Amino acid sequence: MSKAIGLILTITGLMLGWYFVQMTTMPGPAPLPSFVVAAIAVAMISVGVRYILKPKKKKKPEEGSQT
């Protein structure tokens, strides 16, 4: 489940990052809210990648079990 959430966060962060790139390539000064969007995009990408790469915790076998 956490890998799916990480994938959603990463894709959404990339989409917001693309919006930031489009807003900064327009002629004239870049609007201030686009930098806020860029900060949100970076945070979403970093959290999403962390969720994707986080190793799955293995359950420890109970004491006295055969495995």
Protein backbone atom coordinates (compact mmCIF):
# COMPACT_ATOMS: atom_id res chain seq x y z
CA MET A 1 0.00 0.00 0.00
CA SER A 2 2.81 2.42 0.80
CA LYS A 3 4.39 1.87 -2.63
CA ALA A 4 1.12 2.92 -4.28
CA ILE A 5 0.96 6.06 -2.17
CA GLY A 6 4.59 6.79 -3.01
CA LEU A 7 3.89 6.38 -6.70
CA ILE A 8 0.90 8.73 -6.53
CA LEU A 9 2.93 11.35 -4.65
CA THR A 10 5.83 11.08 -7.08
CA ILE A 11 3.65 11.40 -10.19
CA THR A 12 1.71 14.32 -8.73
CA GLY A 13 4.96 16.02 -7.71
CA LEU A 14 6.31 15.61 -11.23
CA MET A 15 3.14 17.15 -12.65
CA LEU A 16 3.46 20.13 -10.31
CA GLY A 17 7.12 20.42 -11.23
CA TRP A 18 6.18 20.54 -14.91
CA TYR A 19 3.67 23.32 -14.10
CA PHE A 20 6.47 25.26 -12.39
CA VAL A 21 8.73 24.88 -15.43
CA GLN A 22 5.95 26.08 -17.73
CA MET A 23 5.25 29.11 -15.52
CA THR A 24 8.91 30.15 -15.32
CA THR A 25 9.49 29.89 -19.08
CA MET A 26 6.79 32.46 -19.82
CA PRO A 27 8.08 35.93 -20.68
CA GLY A 28 8.20 38.39 -17.83
CA PRO A 29 8.75 37.85 -14.13
CA ALA A 30 7.66 34.54 -12.66
CA PRO A 31 4.68 34.81 -10.32
CA LEU A 32 5.43 34.12 -6.67
CA PRO A 33 2.84 31.32 -6.25
CA SER A 34 4.72 29.25 -8.83
CA PHE A 35 7.68 29.04 -6.44
CA VAL A 36 5.34 27.81 -3.70
CA VAL A 37 4.12 25.15 -6.13
CA ALA A 38 7.75 24.20 -6.81
CA ALA A 39 8.44 23.76 -3.10
CA ILE A 40 5.36 21.57 -2.73
CA ALA A 41 6.42 19.54 -5.78
CA VAL A 42 9.90 18.91 -4.37
CA ALA A 43 8.43 17.80 -1.04
CA MET A 44 5.96 15.46 -2.72
CA ILE A 45 8.64 13.90 -4.91
CA SER A 46 11.01 13.34 -1.98
CA VAL A 47 8.34 11.74 0.21
CA GLY A 48 7.05 9.65 -2.69
CA VAL A 49 10.49 8.32 -3.55
CA ARG A 50 11.11 7.53 0.12
CA TYR A 51 7.87 5.51 0.25
CA ILE A 52 8.77 3.66 -2.94
CA LEU A 53 12.32 2.78 -1.87
CA LYS A 54 11.54 1.97 1.77
CA PRO A 55 12.24 -1.73 2.37
CA LYS A 56 9.34 -3.83 3.54
CA LYS A 57 9.63 -4.87 7.19
CA LYS A 58 9.82 -8.60 7.69
CA LYS A 59 7.96 -10.14 10.58
CA LYS A 60 10.18 -11.85 13.09
CA PRO A 61 9.30 -15.50 13.63
CA GLU A 62 7.73 -16.25 16.96
CA GLU A 63 9.85 -17.98 19.58
CA GLY A 64 9.49 -21.72 19.48
CA SER A 65 8.24 -21.87 15.89
CA GLN A 66 9.67 -24.35 13.40
CA THR A 67 10.64 -21.73 10.78
